[in-house]
Amino acid sequence: MQEDDQEQDVDALKTFEPIIQEVIAGRTEGHKCPFCREGDLECTFDGLNLKIVCKNCGKFFEGMLA
């Protein structure tokens, strides 16, 4: 992974962090995209895998919690 890719991943994590915390806590609906500010986010979390996708602009975050 290149340094630019790593920086983009860290920036995405920072941007999505408040939403990630809420999704982990069980609130998977009602979030708006922090990038385009218009799209509804599709959020899933199964206790291990987390995925957040904007239905409008396509920005996403995926992660595995250990």
C-alpha atoms as a PDB file:
ATOM      1  CA  MET A   1       0.000   0.000   0.000  1.00  0.00           C
ATOM      2  CA  GLN A   2       1.333   3.403  -0.935  1.00  0.00           C
ATOM      3  CA  GLU A   3       1.629   6.268   1.527  1.00  0.00           C
ATOM      4  CA  ASP A   4      -1.119   8.253  -0.262  1.00  0.00           C
ATOM      5  CA  ASP A   5      -3.490   5.282   0.082  1.00  0.00           C
ATOM      6  CA  GLN A   6      -2.703   5.019   3.783  1.00  0.00           C
ATOM      7  CA  GLU A   7      -3.348   8.737   4.269  1.00  0.00           C
ATOM      8  CA  GLN A   8      -6.686   8.420   2.464  1.00  0.00           C
ATOM      9  CA  ASP A   9      -7.632   5.455   4.691  1.00  0.00           C
ATOM     10  CA  VAL A  10      -6.790   7.440   7.846  1.00  0.00           C
ATOM     11  CA  ASP A  11      -8.745  10.452   6.562  1.00  0.00           C
ATOM     12  CA  ALA A  12     -11.770   8.256   5.794  1.00  0.00           C
ATOM     13  CA  LEU A  13     -11.556   6.705   9.263  1.00  0.00           C
ATOM     14  CA  LYS A  14     -11.471  10.161  10.880  1.00  0.00           C
ATOM     15  CA  THR A  15     -14.407  11.356   8.790  1.00  0.00           C
ATOM     16  CA  PHE A  16     -16.533   8.263   9.436  1.00  0.00           C
ATOM     17  CA  GLU A  17     -15.481   7.811  13.094  1.00  0.00           C
ATOM     18  CA  PRO A  18     -18.599   9.299  14.754  1.00  0.00           C
ATOM     19  CA  ILE A  19     -20.824   7.168  12.512  1.00  0.00           C
ATOM     20  CA  ILE A  20     -18.679   4.079  13.100  1.00  0.00           C
ATOM     21  CA  GLN A  21     -19.135   4.486  16.857  1.00  0.00           C
ATOM     22  CA  GLU A  22     -22.914   4.733  16.485  1.00  0.00           C
ATOM     23  CA  VAL A  23     -23.101   1.724  14.149  1.00  0.00           C
ATOM     24  CA  ILE A  24     -21.048  -0.381  16.573  1.00  0.00           C
ATOM     25  CA  ALA A  25     -23.461   0.711  19.322  1.00  0.00           C
ATOM     26  CA  GLY A  26     -26.383  -0.580  17.234  1.00  0.00           C
ATOM     27  CA  ARG A  27     -27.660   2.482  15.354  1.00  0.00           C
ATOM     28  CA  THR A  28     -27.365   1.394  11.733  1.00  0.00           C
ATOM     29  CA  GLU A  29     -30.034   3.663  10.212  1.00  0.00           C
ATOM     30  CA  GLY A  30     -30.582   7.388   9.799  1.00  0.00           C
ATOM     31  CA  HIS A  31     -27.040   8.471   8.974  1.00  0.00           C
ATOM     32  CA  LYS A  32     -26.185  11.004   6.259  1.00  0.00           C
ATOM     33  CA  CYS A  33     -22.929  10.888   4.296  1.00  0.00           C
ATOM     34  CA  PRO A  34     -20.236  13.134   5.807  1.00  0.00           C
ATOM     35  CA  PHE A  35     -18.731  13.632   2.340  1.00  0.00           C
ATOM     36  CA  CYS A  36     -21.637  14.637   0.065  1.00  0.00           C
ATOM     37  CA  ARG A  37     -23.966  15.531   2.986  1.00  0.00           C
ATOM     38  CA  GLU A  38     -26.959  14.348   0.937  1.00  0.00           C
ATOM     39  CA  GLY A  39     -26.813  10.595   0.629  1.00  0.00           C
ATOM     40  CA  ASP A  40     -28.238   8.110   3.074  1.00  0.00           C
ATOM     41  CA  LEU A  41     -25.690   5.649   4.395  1.00  0.00           C
ATOM     42  CA  GLU A  42     -26.207   1.915   4.258  1.00  0.00           C
ATOM     43  CA  CYS A  43     -24.551   0.586   7.411  1.00  0.00           C
ATOM     44  CA  THR A  44     -23.997  -3.026   8.419  1.00  0.00           C
ATOM     45  CA  PHE A  45     -22.202  -4.539  11.378  1.00  0.00           C
ATOM     46  CA  ASP A  46     -22.272  -8.214  12.318  1.00  0.00           C
ATOM     47  CA  GLY A  47     -20.144  -7.975  15.446  1.00  0.00           C
ATOM     48  CA  LEU A  48     -16.916  -8.352  13.478  1.00  0.00           C
ATOM     49  CA  ASN A  49     -17.250  -6.800  10.014  1.00  0.00           C
ATOM     50  CA  LEU A  50     -18.330  -3.196   9.528  1.00  0.00           C
ATOM     51  CA  LYS A  51     -19.376  -1.640   6.218  1.00  0.00           C
ATOM     52  CA  ILE A  52     -20.686   1.858   5.528  1.00  0.00           C
ATOM     53  CA  VAL A  53     -21.640   2.917   1.991  1.00  0.00           C
ATOM     54  CA  CYS A  54     -23.176   6.155   0.689  1.00  0.00           C
ATOM     55  CA  LYS A  55     -26.022   5.420  -1.727  1.00  0.00           C
ATOM     56  CA  ASN A  56     -25.493   8.832  -3.357  1.00  0.00           C
ATOM     57  CA  CYS A  57     -21.758   9.445  -3.902  1.00  0.00           C
ATOM     58  CA  GLY A  58     -20.412   5.915  -3.384  1.00  0.00           C
ATOM     59  CA  LYS A  59     -17.903   6.763  -0.638  1.00  0.00           C
ATOM     60  CA  PHE A  60     -17.442   3.828   1.697  1.00  0.00           C
ATOM     61  CA  PHE A  61     -15.633   2.498   4.701  1.00  0.00           C
ATOM     62  CA  GLU A  62     -15.008  -1.168   5.486  1.00  0.00           C
ATOM     63  CA  GLY A  63     -13.278  -2.633   8.461  1.00  0.00           C
ATOM     64  CA  MET A  64     -12.877  -5.669  10.649  1.00  0.00           C
ATOM     65  CA  LEU A  65     -12.904  -5.248  14.390  1.00  0.00           C
ATOM     66  CA  ALA A  66     -10.686  -7.553  16.374  1.00  0.00           C
END
